[in-house]
């Protein structure tokens, strides 16, 4: 694979892509509290680190170049396509943009952004009416927006894994879990037994697939 277009050093693309995705996420999430800004800022840092390697300097390829070249000698590891490490390592030699991992990443990223957007609409309506959010994605998991952020980051990791984002990912997941605990303490103080009933029925992060099937078949949602 020999690209005629420069593979890296395109820092203007780092800025443009970071800005586009950060603003896109901002339009869905709309942070308001200090806690919102903290979680959104961490997500933004993840995106900047990702695009810095995707278009700026391939630090991961540089650090692993010796092993990669020895293990996969037929790959031009300094081409842009080679940054799709999973496709290259599993032998996908057509365009990586149509590879199985790249397609899976689009599903994860798109699903994550949809979940963030749907969660925000429900949460905003509930906060405006000073009631507990239990509809839409909140009827499946208690923290759909945090789940959405994790899905987006996981999608980018599948598409373009880097050492830095691999290190950042579990740290950010732990941060979102910790923030969810803070939110739940506040919700229990505000809504009392109503939140206890809701929490007993709806899982925090991983939907109950049996209950999900029941809801799709017209079962009762929490409220």
N, C-alpha and C. Protein backbone atom coordinates (compact mmCIF):
# COMPACT_ATOMS: atom_id res chain seq x y z
N UNK A 1 0.84 -1.19 0.00
CA UNK A 1 0.00 0.00 0.00
C UNK A 1 0.88 1.24 0.00
N UNK A 2 0.88 1.97 -1.07
CA UNK A 2 1.69 3.17 -1.19
C UNK A 2 0.78 4.34 -1.47
N UNK A 3 0.66 5.24 -0.50
CA UNK A 3 -0.20 6.40 -0.65
C UNK A 3 0.61 7.55 -1.27
N UNK A 4 0.04 8.26 -2.23
CA UNK A 4 0.68 9.45 -2.78
C UNK A 4 0.38 10.68 -1.93
N UNK A 5 -0.69 10.65 -1.17
CA UNK A 5 -1.05 11.75 -0.29
C UNK A 5 -0.30 11.59 1.02
N UNK A 6 0.22 12.70 1.62
CA UNK A 6 0.92 12.56 2.89
C UNK A 6 0.06 11.86 3.93
N UNK A 7 0.66 10.88 4.61
CA UNK A 7 -0.12 10.08 5.55
C UNK A 7 -0.36 10.82 6.87
N UNK A 8 0.63 11.59 7.31
CA UNK A 8 0.54 12.25 8.62
C UNK A 8 1.06 13.68 8.52
N UNK A 9 1.11 14.35 9.65
CA UNK A 9 1.51 15.75 9.65
C UNK A 9 0.41 16.69 9.21
N UNK A 10 -0.80 16.17 9.13
CA UNK A 10 -1.94 16.98 8.70
C UNK A 10 -2.65 17.55 9.93
N UNK A 11 -1.99 18.49 10.58
CA UNK A 11 -2.51 18.99 11.84
C UNK A 11 -3.80 19.79 11.67
N UNK A 12 -4.01 20.34 10.49
CA UNK A 12 -5.27 21.04 10.26
C UNK A 12 -6.44 20.06 10.30
N UNK A 13 -6.19 18.80 9.86
CA UNK A 13 -7.24 17.79 9.97
C UNK A 13 -7.47 17.36 11.42
N UNK A 14 -6.42 17.39 12.22
CA UNK A 14 -6.58 17.11 13.65
C UNK A 14 -7.54 18.13 14.26
N UNK A 15 -7.31 19.41 13.94
CA UNK A 15 -8.14 20.48 14.49
C UNK A 15 -9.57 20.38 13.98
N UNK A 16 -9.71 20.19 12.67
CA UNK A 16 -11.06 20.16 12.07
C UNK A 16 -11.86 18.98 12.60
N UNK A 17 -11.27 17.77 12.58
CA UNK A 17 -12.01 16.59 13.03
C UNK A 17 -12.33 16.66 14.52
N UNK A 18 -11.37 17.13 15.32
CA UNK A 18 -11.63 17.27 16.75
C UNK A 18 -12.78 18.24 16.98
N UNK A 19 -12.74 19.38 16.30
CA UNK A 19 -13.79 20.39 16.47
C UNK A 19 -15.15 19.86 16.04
N UNK A 20 -15.20 19.16 14.90
CA UNK A 20 -16.46 18.66 14.38
C UNK A 20 -17.09 17.67 15.35
N UNK A 21 -16.32 16.69 15.81
CA UNK A 21 -16.89 15.68 16.68
C UNK A 21 -17.20 16.22 18.08
N UNK A 22 -16.38 17.14 18.57
CA UNK A 22 -16.64 17.72 19.88
C UNK A 22 -17.91 18.58 19.83
N UNK A 23 -18.04 19.39 18.80
CA UNK A 23 -19.26 20.20 18.66
C UNK A 23 -20.49 19.33 18.42
N UNK A 24 -20.31 18.24 17.67
CA UNK A 24 -21.40 17.31 17.44
C UNK A 24 -21.88 16.71 18.75
N UNK A 25 -20.92 16.26 19.57
CA UNK A 25 -21.28 15.71 20.88
C UNK A 25 -21.88 16.78 21.78
N UNK A 26 -21.35 17.99 21.70
CA UNK A 26 -21.87 19.10 22.51
C UNK A 26 -23.33 19.38 22.17
N UNK A 27 -23.67 19.31 20.89
CA UNK A 27 -25.05 19.59 20.48
C UNK A 27 -26.02 18.56 21.04
N UNK A 28 -25.53 17.36 21.33
CA UNK A 28 -26.38 16.32 21.90
C UNK A 28 -26.39 16.38 23.43
N UNK A 29 -25.21 16.56 24.01
CA UNK A 29 -25.07 16.43 25.46
C UNK A 29 -25.45 17.70 26.21
N UNK A 30 -25.06 18.86 25.66
CA UNK A 30 -25.37 20.17 26.25
C UNK A 30 -25.01 20.23 27.74
N UNK A 31 -23.72 20.16 28.08
CA UNK A 31 -23.32 20.19 29.49
C UNK A 31 -23.75 21.48 30.18
N UNK A 32 -24.19 21.34 31.42
CA UNK A 32 -24.66 22.49 32.19
C UNK A 32 -23.95 22.59 33.53
N UNK A 33 -23.87 21.49 34.26
CA UNK A 33 -23.24 21.51 35.57
C UNK A 33 -21.74 21.30 35.45
N UNK A 34 -21.03 21.54 36.55
CA UNK A 34 -19.59 21.30 36.57
C UNK A 34 -19.28 19.84 36.30
N UNK A 35 -20.12 18.96 36.81
CA UNK A 35 -19.94 17.53 36.56
C UNK A 35 -20.12 17.20 35.08
N UNK A 36 -21.12 17.84 34.44
CA UNK A 36 -21.32 17.64 33.01
C UNK A 36 -20.09 18.06 32.22
N UNK A 37 -19.54 19.22 32.56
CA UNK A 37 -18.38 19.73 31.84
C UNK A 37 -17.16 18.84 32.06
N UNK A 38 -17.05 18.26 33.25
CA UNK A 38 -15.91 17.38 33.52
C UNK A 38 -15.99 16.14 32.64
N UNK A 39 -17.16 15.53 32.57
CA UNK A 39 -17.30 14.33 31.76
C UNK A 39 -17.14 14.65 30.28
N UNK A 40 -17.68 15.79 29.85
CA UNK A 40 -17.56 16.18 28.45
C UNK A 40 -16.12 16.54 28.10
N UNK A 41 -15.43 17.19 29.02
CA UNK A 41 -14.03 17.55 28.79
C UNK A 41 -13.14 16.33 28.64
N UNK A 42 -13.40 15.31 29.46
CA UNK A 42 -12.62 14.07 29.35
C UNK A 42 -12.87 13.39 28.02
N UNK A 43 -14.12 13.38 27.59
CA UNK A 43 -14.46 12.80 26.29
C UNK A 43 -13.77 13.58 25.18
N UNK A 44 -13.75 14.90 25.27
CA UNK A 44 -13.10 15.74 24.26
C UNK A 44 -11.61 15.46 24.20
N UNK A 45 -10.98 15.27 25.36
CA UNK A 45 -9.54 14.97 25.40
C UNK A 45 -9.25 13.65 24.69
N UNK A 46 -10.13 12.69 24.87
CA UNK A 46 -9.99 11.40 24.19
C UNK A 46 -10.00 11.60 22.67
N UNK A 47 -10.94 12.42 22.17
CA UNK A 47 -11.04 12.66 20.74
C UNK A 47 -9.80 13.38 20.20
N UNK A 48 -9.29 14.36 20.93
CA UNK A 48 -8.11 15.08 20.48
C UNK A 48 -6.91 14.14 20.41
N UNK A 49 -6.75 13.29 21.44
CA UNK A 49 -5.65 12.33 21.43
C UNK A 49 -5.77 11.37 20.25
N UNK A 50 -6.99 10.94 19.96
CA UNK A 50 -7.22 10.03 18.84
C UNK A 50 -6.84 10.68 17.51
N UNK A 51 -7.37 11.86 17.23
CA UNK A 51 -7.14 12.50 15.94
C UNK A 51 -5.70 12.99 15.79
N UNK A 52 -5.03 13.27 16.92
CA UNK A 52 -3.62 13.64 16.84
C UNK A 52 -2.79 12.50 16.27
N UNK A 53 -3.14 11.27 16.62
CA UNK A 53 -2.43 10.11 16.05
C UNK A 53 -2.97 9.74 14.68
N UNK A 54 -4.24 9.97 14.45
CA UNK A 54 -4.83 9.58 13.17
C UNK A 54 -4.31 10.45 12.02
N UNK A 55 -4.08 11.74 12.30
CA UNK A 55 -3.67 12.65 11.23
C UNK A 55 -2.37 13.41 11.52
N UNK A 56 -1.98 13.49 12.78
CA UNK A 56 -0.80 14.26 13.13
C UNK A 56 0.47 13.44 13.13
N UNK A 57 0.72 12.72 14.22
CA UNK A 57 1.91 11.88 14.33
C UNK A 57 1.50 10.51 14.85
N UNK A 58 1.84 9.42 14.14
CA UNK A 58 1.42 8.07 14.54
C UNK A 58 2.30 7.50 15.65
N UNK A 59 2.12 7.99 16.85
CA UNK A 59 2.98 7.58 17.96
C UNK A 59 2.93 6.07 18.18
N UNK A 60 1.74 5.49 18.11
CA UNK A 60 1.60 4.05 18.33
C UNK A 60 2.37 3.26 17.29
N UNK A 61 2.22 3.63 16.02
CA UNK A 61 2.96 2.96 14.94
C UNK A 61 4.46 3.12 15.16
N UNK A 62 4.88 4.30 15.56
CA UNK A 62 6.30 4.57 15.79
C UNK A 62 6.86 3.68 16.90
N UNK A 63 6.14 3.59 18.01
CA UNK A 63 6.63 2.80 19.14
C UNK A 63 6.60 1.30 18.86
N UNK A 64 5.65 0.86 18.06
CA UNK A 64 5.51 -0.57 17.78
C UNK A 64 6.05 -0.96 16.40
N UNK A 65 6.72 -0.03 15.73
CA UNK A 65 7.10 -0.27 14.34
C UNK A 65 8.00 -1.49 14.17
N UNK A 66 8.94 -1.70 15.10
CA UNK A 66 9.83 -2.85 14.98
C UNK A 66 9.06 -4.17 15.00
N UNK A 67 8.19 -4.30 15.98
CA UNK A 67 7.40 -5.54 16.09
C UNK A 67 6.42 -5.68 14.93
N UNK A 68 5.76 -4.58 14.57
CA UNK A 68 4.78 -4.64 13.49
C UNK A 68 5.44 -5.03 12.16
N UNK A 69 6.59 -4.44 11.86
CA UNK A 69 7.25 -4.75 10.60
C UNK A 69 7.73 -6.19 10.55
N UNK A 70 8.19 -6.70 11.71
CA UNK A 70 8.65 -8.09 11.74
C UNK A 70 7.48 -9.06 11.66
N UNK A 71 6.37 -8.75 12.31
CA UNK A 71 5.22 -9.66 12.34
C UNK A 71 4.39 -9.58 11.08
N UNK A 72 4.35 -8.39 10.46
CA UNK A 72 3.51 -8.19 9.26
C UNK A 72 4.35 -7.47 8.20
N UNK A 73 5.30 -8.17 7.59
CA UNK A 73 6.26 -7.52 6.68
C UNK A 73 5.65 -7.00 5.38
N UNK A 74 4.47 -7.44 5.03
CA UNK A 74 3.87 -7.03 3.76
C UNK A 74 3.02 -5.76 3.88
N UNK A 75 3.02 -5.15 5.04
CA UNK A 75 2.21 -3.95 5.27
C UNK A 75 3.13 -2.73 5.31
N UNK A 76 2.74 -1.69 4.59
CA UNK A 76 3.44 -0.40 4.68
C UNK A 76 2.91 0.34 5.90
N UNK A 77 3.59 0.20 7.01
CA UNK A 77 3.07 0.71 8.28
C UNK A 77 3.10 2.23 8.39
N UNK A 78 3.71 2.90 7.41
CA UNK A 78 3.72 4.36 7.46
C UNK A 78 2.68 4.96 6.52
N UNK A 79 1.86 4.11 5.90
CA UNK A 79 0.73 4.61 5.12
C UNK A 79 -0.42 4.91 6.08
N UNK A 80 -1.32 5.76 5.63
CA UNK A 80 -2.44 6.13 6.50
C UNK A 80 -3.36 4.95 6.78
N UNK A 81 -3.61 4.13 5.76
CA UNK A 81 -4.50 2.99 5.94
C UNK A 81 -4.02 2.04 7.03
N UNK A 82 -2.71 1.98 7.23
CA UNK A 82 -2.16 1.04 8.21
C UNK A 82 -2.53 1.41 9.64
N UNK A 83 -3.00 2.65 9.82
CA UNK A 83 -3.45 3.03 11.16
C UNK A 83 -4.66 2.24 11.62
N UNK A 84 -5.37 1.64 10.66
CA UNK A 84 -6.48 0.75 11.01
C UNK A 84 -5.85 -0.60 11.40
N UNK A 85 -5.28 -0.63 12.58
CA UNK A 85 -4.44 -1.76 12.99
C UNK A 85 -5.15 -3.10 12.94
N UNK A 86 -6.39 -3.14 13.36
CA UNK A 86 -7.08 -4.43 13.43
C UNK A 86 -7.29 -5.02 12.05
N UNK A 87 -7.68 -4.19 11.08
CA UNK A 87 -7.82 -4.70 9.71
C UNK A 87 -6.49 -5.22 9.19
N UNK A 88 -5.41 -4.47 9.43
CA UNK A 88 -4.09 -4.88 8.94
C UNK A 88 -3.63 -6.18 9.60
N UNK A 89 -3.81 -6.28 10.91
CA UNK A 89 -3.32 -7.44 11.64
C UNK A 89 -4.12 -8.70 11.34
N UNK A 90 -5.39 -8.54 10.98
CA UNK A 90 -6.22 -9.70 10.66
C UNK A 90 -6.27 -9.99 9.16
N UNK A 91 -5.42 -9.29 8.38
CA UNK A 91 -5.25 -9.65 6.99
C UNK A 91 -6.23 -9.05 6.01
N UNK A 92 -6.97 -8.00 6.41
CA UNK A 92 -7.90 -7.36 5.48
C UNK A 92 -7.08 -6.47 4.55
N UNK A 93 -7.02 -6.82 3.27
CA UNK A 93 -6.16 -6.09 2.35
C UNK A 93 -6.93 -5.17 1.39
N UNK A 94 -8.24 -5.22 1.41
CA UNK A 94 -9.02 -4.23 0.67
C UNK A 94 -9.03 -2.93 1.47
N UNK A 95 -9.78 -1.94 1.01
CA UNK A 95 -9.83 -0.68 1.74
C UNK A 95 -10.30 -0.91 3.17
N UNK A 96 -9.52 -0.46 4.16
CA UNK A 96 -9.93 -0.68 5.55
C UNK A 96 -11.23 0.03 5.91
N UNK A 97 -11.62 1.03 5.13
CA UNK A 97 -12.87 1.74 5.39
C UNK A 97 -14.10 0.86 5.17
N UNK A 98 -13.90 -0.27 4.49
CA UNK A 98 -14.99 -1.22 4.29
C UNK A 98 -14.72 -2.52 5.03
N UNK A 99 -13.75 -2.49 5.94
CA UNK A 99 -13.41 -3.67 6.71
C UNK A 99 -14.41 -3.93 7.82
N UNK A 100 -14.43 -5.14 8.37
CA UNK A 100 -15.41 -5.49 9.41
C UNK A 100 -15.27 -4.67 10.68
N UNK A 101 -14.04 -4.36 11.07
CA UNK A 101 -13.86 -3.58 12.30
C UNK A 101 -14.29 -2.14 12.08
N UNK A 102 -14.02 -1.62 10.89
CA UNK A 102 -14.42 -0.24 10.60
C UNK A 102 -15.94 -0.13 10.58
N UNK A 103 -16.61 -1.10 9.98
CA UNK A 103 -18.08 -1.09 9.96
C UNK A 103 -18.63 -1.22 11.37
N UNK A 104 -18.04 -2.11 12.17
CA UNK A 104 -18.47 -2.26 13.57
C UNK A 104 -18.29 -0.96 14.34
N UNK A 105 -17.20 -0.24 14.03
CA UNK A 105 -16.95 1.02 14.74
C UNK A 105 -18.03 2.04 14.42
N UNK A 106 -18.49 2.08 13.16
CA UNK A 106 -19.55 3.02 12.80
C UNK A 106 -20.84 2.70 13.55
N UNK A 107 -21.13 1.41 13.72
CA UNK A 107 -22.33 1.02 14.46
C UNK A 107 -22.22 1.49 15.91
N UNK A 108 -21.06 1.29 16.53
CA UNK A 108 -20.86 1.70 17.92
C UNK A 108 -20.91 3.21 18.07
N UNK A 109 -20.22 3.92 17.19
CA UNK A 109 -20.18 5.38 17.28
C UNK A 109 -21.57 5.97 17.03
N UNK A 110 -22.23 5.51 15.96
CA UNK A 110 -23.57 6.01 15.66
C UNK A 110 -24.55 5.69 16.76
N UNK A 111 -24.50 4.45 17.28
CA UNK A 111 -25.39 4.08 18.37
C UNK A 111 -25.13 4.89 19.63
N UNK A 112 -23.86 5.17 19.89
CA UNK A 112 -23.52 5.97 21.06
C UNK A 112 -24.06 7.38 20.98
N UNK A 113 -23.88 8.03 19.82
CA UNK A 113 -24.40 9.39 19.66
C UNK A 113 -25.93 9.42 19.71
N UNK A 114 -26.58 8.43 19.13
CA UNK A 114 -28.04 8.37 19.21
C UNK A 114 -28.51 8.22 20.65
N UNK A 115 -27.79 7.41 21.42
CA UNK A 115 -28.16 7.21 22.82
C UNK A 115 -27.97 8.49 23.63
N UNK A 116 -26.87 9.20 23.37
CA UNK A 116 -26.64 10.47 24.06
C UNK A 116 -27.75 11.47 23.74
N UNK A 117 -28.11 11.56 22.45
CA UNK A 117 -29.14 12.51 22.04
C UNK A 117 -30.50 12.15 22.64
N UNK A 118 -30.87 10.86 22.55
CA UNK A 118 -32.16 10.44 23.09
C UNK A 118 -32.21 10.63 24.60
N UNK A 119 -31.11 10.32 25.28
CA UNK A 119 -31.07 10.50 26.73
C UNK A 119 -31.20 11.96 27.13
N UNK A 120 -30.55 12.85 26.36
CA UNK A 120 -30.64 14.27 26.70
C UNK A 120 -32.07 14.79 26.58
N UNK A 121 -32.78 14.41 25.53
CA UNK A 121 -34.15 14.89 25.35
C UNK A 121 -35.04 14.48 26.53
N UNK A 122 -34.90 13.23 26.96
CA UNK A 122 -35.72 12.75 28.08
C UNK A 122 -35.31 13.45 29.37
N UNK A 123 -34.00 13.58 29.59
CA UNK A 123 -33.52 14.20 30.82
C UNK A 123 -33.91 15.67 30.89
N UNK A 124 -33.80 16.38 29.78
CA UNK A 124 -34.14 17.80 29.77
C UNK A 124 -35.62 18.00 30.10
N UNK A 125 -36.48 17.17 29.51
CA UNK A 125 -37.91 17.28 29.79
C UNK A 125 -38.20 16.98 31.25
N UNK A 126 -37.54 15.95 31.79
CA UNK A 126 -37.78 15.59 33.19
C UNK A 126 -37.30 16.68 34.13
N UNK A 127 -36.11 17.25 33.86
CA UNK A 127 -35.59 18.30 34.72
C UNK A 127 -36.46 19.55 34.65
N UNK A 128 -37.02 19.85 33.48
CA UNK A 128 -37.89 21.02 33.34
C UNK A 128 -39.14 20.87 34.19
N UNK A 129 -39.61 19.61 34.34
CA UNK A 129 -40.81 19.34 35.12
C UNK A 129 -40.49 18.86 36.53
N UNK A 130 -39.19 18.87 36.88
CA UNK A 130 -38.71 18.45 38.20
C UNK A 130 -39.27 17.07 38.58
N UNK A 131 -39.09 16.13 37.67
CA UNK A 131 -39.49 14.76 37.93
C UNK A 131 -38.37 13.81 37.53
N UNK A 132 -38.53 12.56 37.87
CA UNK A 132 -37.52 11.55 37.58
C UNK A 132 -37.61 11.13 36.12
N UNK A 133 -36.46 11.05 35.45
CA UNK A 133 -36.43 10.61 34.05
C UNK A 133 -36.48 9.08 34.02
N UNK A 134 -37.54 8.55 33.42
CA UNK A 134 -37.69 7.09 33.35
C UNK A 134 -38.14 6.62 31.98
N UNK A 135 -38.33 7.53 31.04
CA UNK A 135 -38.81 7.14 29.72
C UNK A 135 -37.66 6.95 28.74
N UNK A 136 -38.01 6.46 27.55
CA UNK A 136 -37.01 6.32 26.49
C UNK A 136 -35.85 5.44 26.94
N UNK A 137 -34.62 5.89 26.66
CA UNK A 137 -33.46 5.07 27.06
C UNK A 137 -33.33 4.90 28.57
N UNK A 138 -33.94 5.82 29.33
CA UNK A 138 -33.90 5.70 30.80
C UNK A 138 -34.78 4.56 31.30
N UNK A 139 -35.60 3.99 30.44
CA UNK A 139 -36.37 2.81 30.86
C UNK A 139 -35.57 1.53 30.67
N UNK A 140 -34.40 1.63 30.02
CA UNK A 140 -33.54 0.46 29.81
C UNK A 140 -32.32 0.47 30.73
N UNK A 141 -31.68 1.66 30.86
CA UNK A 141 -30.53 1.82 31.76
C UNK A 141 -30.66 3.15 32.47
N UNK A 142 -30.05 3.25 33.65
CA UNK A 142 -30.19 4.47 34.43
C UNK A 142 -29.25 5.59 33.96
N UNK A 143 -28.22 5.24 33.21
CA UNK A 143 -27.24 6.25 32.79
C UNK A 143 -26.96 6.13 31.29
N UNK A 144 -27.96 6.36 30.46
CA UNK A 144 -27.78 6.15 29.02
C UNK A 144 -26.75 7.07 28.38
N UNK A 145 -26.61 8.29 28.88
CA UNK A 145 -25.65 9.20 28.26
C UNK A 145 -24.21 8.76 28.52
N UNK A 146 -23.93 8.28 29.72
CA UNK A 146 -22.59 7.76 29.98
C UNK A 146 -22.34 6.50 29.15
N UNK A 147 -23.35 5.65 29.03
CA UNK A 147 -23.21 4.47 28.17
C UNK A 147 -22.94 4.91 26.73
N UNK A 148 -23.60 5.97 26.28
CA UNK A 148 -23.38 6.48 24.94
C UNK A 148 -21.95 6.94 24.73
N UNK A 149 -21.39 7.69 25.69
CA UNK A 149 -20.01 8.13 25.58
C UNK A 149 -19.05 6.95 25.49
N UNK A 150 -19.30 5.93 26.30
CA UNK A 150 -18.43 4.75 26.28
C UNK A 150 -18.52 4.03 24.93
N UNK A 151 -19.73 3.93 24.37
CA UNK A 151 -19.89 3.29 23.07
C UNK A 151 -19.14 4.06 21.97
N UNK A 152 -19.21 5.39 22.01
CA UNK A 152 -18.50 6.19 21.01
C UNK A 152 -16.99 5.97 21.13
N UNK A 153 -16.47 6.01 22.35
CA UNK A 153 -15.03 5.80 22.54
C UNK A 153 -14.62 4.40 22.13
N UNK A 154 -15.44 3.42 22.47
CA UNK A 154 -15.13 2.05 22.07
C UNK A 154 -15.13 1.91 20.56
N UNK A 155 -16.06 2.59 19.89
CA UNK A 155 -16.10 2.56 18.44
C UNK A 155 -14.85 3.12 17.82
N UNK A 156 -14.35 4.24 18.36
CA UNK A 156 -13.12 4.82 17.83
C UNK A 156 -11.92 3.92 18.12
N UNK A 157 -11.93 3.25 19.26
CA UNK A 157 -10.85 2.32 19.57
C UNK A 157 -10.81 1.16 18.58
N UNK A 158 -11.99 0.65 18.22
CA UNK A 158 -12.05 -0.44 17.24
C UNK A 158 -11.57 0.04 15.88
N UNK A 159 -11.93 1.26 15.53
CA UNK A 159 -11.57 1.80 14.22
C UNK A 159 -10.09 2.14 14.12
N UNK A 160 -9.56 2.79 15.17
CA UNK A 160 -8.19 3.29 15.10
C UNK A 160 -7.55 3.18 16.50
N UNK A 161 -7.14 2.00 16.90
CA UNK A 161 -6.58 1.83 18.25
C UNK A 161 -5.22 2.50 18.39
N UNK A 162 -5.03 3.19 19.49
CA UNK A 162 -3.73 3.80 19.81
C UNK A 162 -3.39 3.48 21.26
N UNK A 163 -2.12 3.54 21.57
CA UNK A 163 -1.70 3.24 22.94
C UNK A 163 -2.28 4.25 23.93
N UNK A 164 -2.27 5.54 23.54
CA UNK A 164 -2.75 6.57 24.45
C UNK A 164 -4.24 6.42 24.73
N UNK A 165 -5.04 6.21 23.68
CA UNK A 165 -6.48 6.08 23.91
C UNK A 165 -6.82 4.76 24.61
N UNK A 166 -6.00 3.72 24.40
CA UNK A 166 -6.21 2.48 25.15
C UNK A 166 -5.97 2.68 26.64
N UNK A 167 -5.02 3.54 26.97
CA UNK A 167 -4.78 3.87 28.39
C UNK A 167 -5.90 4.76 28.92
N UNK A 168 -6.33 5.72 28.11
CA UNK A 168 -7.36 6.66 28.56
C UNK A 168 -8.72 5.99 28.73
N UNK A 169 -9.02 5.00 27.91
CA UNK A 169 -10.36 4.42 27.89
C UNK A 169 -10.80 3.89 29.26
N UNK A 170 -10.04 2.98 29.91
CA UNK A 170 -10.51 2.49 31.21
C UNK A 170 -10.56 3.58 32.28
N UNK A 171 -9.68 4.58 32.16
CA UNK A 171 -9.70 5.68 33.12
C UNK A 171 -10.99 6.47 32.97
N UNK A 172 -11.39 6.74 31.74
CA UNK A 172 -12.62 7.50 31.49
C UNK A 172 -13.85 6.69 31.89
N UNK A 173 -13.82 5.38 31.62
CA UNK A 173 -14.95 4.54 32.04
C UNK A 173 -15.09 4.58 33.56
N UNK A 174 -13.96 4.47 34.28
CA UNK A 174 -14.00 4.54 35.74
C UNK A 174 -14.53 5.90 36.20
N UNK A 175 -14.15 6.97 35.50
CA UNK A 175 -14.64 8.30 35.86
C UNK A 175 -16.14 8.39 35.67
N UNK A 176 -16.66 7.86 34.57
CA UNK A 176 -18.11 7.89 34.34
C UNK A 176 -18.86 7.08 35.39
N UNK A 177 -18.29 5.94 35.77
CA UNK A 177 -18.93 5.14 36.81
C UNK A 177 -18.97 5.91 38.12
N UNK A 178 -17.85 6.56 38.46
CA UNK A 178 -17.82 7.34 39.69
C UNK A 178 -18.82 8.49 39.65
N UNK A 179 -18.90 9.19 38.51
CA UNK A 179 -19.86 10.28 38.38
C UNK A 179 -21.30 9.76 38.49
N UNK A 180 -21.54 8.56 37.99
CA UNK A 180 -22.89 8.00 38.09
C UNK A 180 -23.27 7.75 39.54
N UNK A 181 -22.30 7.34 40.36
CA UNK A 181 -22.57 7.13 41.78
C UNK A 181 -22.96 8.45 42.45
N UNK A 182 -22.26 9.52 42.09
CA UNK A 182 -22.59 10.84 42.65
C UNK A 182 -24.00 11.25 42.25
N UNK A 183 -24.34 11.06 40.98
CA UNK A 183 -25.67 11.41 40.50
C UNK A 183 -26.75 10.61 41.21
N UNK A 184 -26.47 9.34 41.46
CA UNK A 184 -27.48 8.50 42.10
C UNK A 184 -27.70 8.93 43.56
N UNK A 185 -26.64 9.32 44.24
CA UNK A 185 -26.82 9.83 45.62
C UNK A 185 -27.71 11.07 45.61
N UNK A 186 -27.47 11.95 44.65
CA UNK A 186 -28.29 13.16 44.57
C UNK A 186 -29.74 12.82 44.22
N UNK A 187 -29.94 11.86 43.32
CA UNK A 187 -31.30 11.47 42.92
C UNK A 187 -32.04 10.83 44.09
N UNK A 188 -31.33 10.06 44.88
CA UNK A 188 -31.98 9.43 46.05
C UNK A 188 -32.41 10.48 47.06
N UNK A 189 -31.58 11.53 47.23
CA UNK A 189 -31.96 12.59 48.15
C UNK A 189 -33.17 13.36 47.63
N UNK A 190 -33.25 13.54 46.32
CA UNK A 190 -34.32 14.35 45.74
C UNK A 190 -35.62 13.57 45.57
N UNK A 191 -35.52 12.31 45.14
CA UNK A 191 -36.73 11.56 44.79
C UNK A 191 -37.06 10.42 45.76
N UNK A 192 -36.15 10.12 46.67
CA UNK A 192 -36.44 9.15 47.72
C UNK A 192 -36.87 7.78 47.22
N UNK A 193 -38.02 7.32 47.70
CA UNK A 193 -38.49 5.96 47.39
C UNK A 193 -38.77 5.77 45.90
N UNK A 194 -39.15 6.84 45.20
CA UNK A 194 -39.41 6.71 43.77
C UNK A 194 -38.14 6.28 43.03
N UNK A 195 -37.01 6.87 43.45
CA UNK A 195 -35.77 6.47 42.80
C UNK A 195 -35.35 5.07 43.22
N UNK A 196 -35.60 4.70 44.47
CA UNK A 196 -35.26 3.35 44.93
C UNK A 196 -36.02 2.31 44.11
N UNK A 197 -37.29 2.56 43.85
CA UNK A 197 -38.07 1.62 43.03
C UNK A 197 -37.54 1.57 41.61
N UNK A 198 -37.22 2.73 41.08
CA UNK A 198 -36.68 2.79 39.72
C UNK A 198 -35.35 2.04 39.62
N UNK A 199 -34.45 2.27 40.60
CA UNK A 199 -33.14 1.62 40.59
C UNK A 199 -33.25 0.12 40.77
N UNK A 200 -34.26 -0.32 41.50
CA UNK A 200 -34.45 -1.75 41.70
C UNK A 200 -34.92 -2.45 40.43
N UNK A 201 -35.55 -1.69 39.56
CA UNK A 201 -36.10 -2.29 38.35
C UNK A 201 -35.21 -2.11 37.12
N UNK A 202 -34.51 -0.99 37.03
CA UNK A 202 -33.72 -0.66 35.83
C UNK A 202 -32.23 -0.73 36.17
N UNK A 203 -31.44 -1.51 35.41
CA UNK A 203 -30.00 -1.61 35.68
C UNK A 203 -29.27 -0.31 35.37
N UNK A 204 -28.07 -0.17 35.91
CA UNK A 204 -27.32 1.07 35.74
C UNK A 204 -26.77 1.24 34.34
N UNK A 205 -26.09 0.23 33.81
CA UNK A 205 -25.38 0.38 32.54
C UNK A 205 -25.70 -0.68 31.50
N UNK A 206 -25.99 -1.89 31.93
CA UNK A 206 -26.23 -2.99 31.00
C UNK A 206 -27.70 -3.36 31.04
N UNK A 207 -28.41 -3.17 29.93
CA UNK A 207 -29.86 -3.44 29.93
C UNK A 207 -30.18 -4.89 30.21
N UNK A 208 -31.29 -5.09 30.87
CA UNK A 208 -31.81 -6.44 31.08
C UNK A 208 -32.51 -6.85 29.78
N UNK A 209 -31.90 -7.78 29.04
CA UNK A 209 -32.41 -8.09 27.70
C UNK A 209 -33.79 -8.73 27.75
N UNK A 210 -34.07 -9.48 28.81
CA UNK A 210 -35.42 -10.04 28.94
C UNK A 210 -36.45 -8.96 29.14
N UNK A 211 -36.12 -7.98 29.98
CA UNK A 211 -37.04 -6.86 30.20
C UNK A 211 -37.14 -6.01 28.95
N UNK A 212 -36.02 -5.85 28.23
CA UNK A 212 -36.04 -5.07 27.00
C UNK A 212 -37.00 -5.68 25.99
N UNK A 213 -36.99 -7.00 25.88
CA UNK A 213 -37.92 -7.67 24.96
C UNK A 213 -39.36 -7.46 25.41
N UNK A 214 -39.56 -7.47 26.73
CA UNK A 214 -40.91 -7.24 27.25
C UNK A 214 -41.41 -5.85 26.95
N UNK A 215 -40.50 -4.85 27.05
CA UNK A 215 -40.90 -3.48 26.76
C UNK A 215 -41.25 -3.32 25.29
N UNK A 216 -40.50 -3.98 24.44
CA UNK A 216 -40.79 -3.89 23.00
C UNK A 216 -42.13 -4.54 22.65
N UNK A 217 -42.52 -5.50 23.50
CA UNK A 217 -43.79 -6.17 23.25
C UNK A 217 -44.95 -5.50 23.99
N UNK A 218 -44.67 -4.30 24.50
CA UNK A 218 -45.76 -3.53 25.12
C UNK A 218 -45.82 -3.67 26.62
N UNK A 219 -44.69 -4.11 27.24
CA UNK A 219 -44.68 -4.25 28.69
C UNK A 219 -44.66 -2.91 29.38
N UNK A 220 -44.76 -2.93 30.70
CA UNK A 220 -44.85 -1.71 31.49
C UNK A 220 -43.46 -1.11 31.66
N UNK A 221 -43.34 0.20 31.55
CA UNK A 221 -42.10 0.90 31.85
C UNK A 221 -42.17 1.42 33.28
N UNK A 222 -40.99 1.71 33.83
CA UNK A 222 -40.96 2.22 35.19
C UNK A 222 -41.42 3.66 35.22
N UNK A 223 -41.87 4.13 36.35
CA UNK A 223 -42.32 5.52 36.43
C UNK A 223 -42.55 5.92 37.86
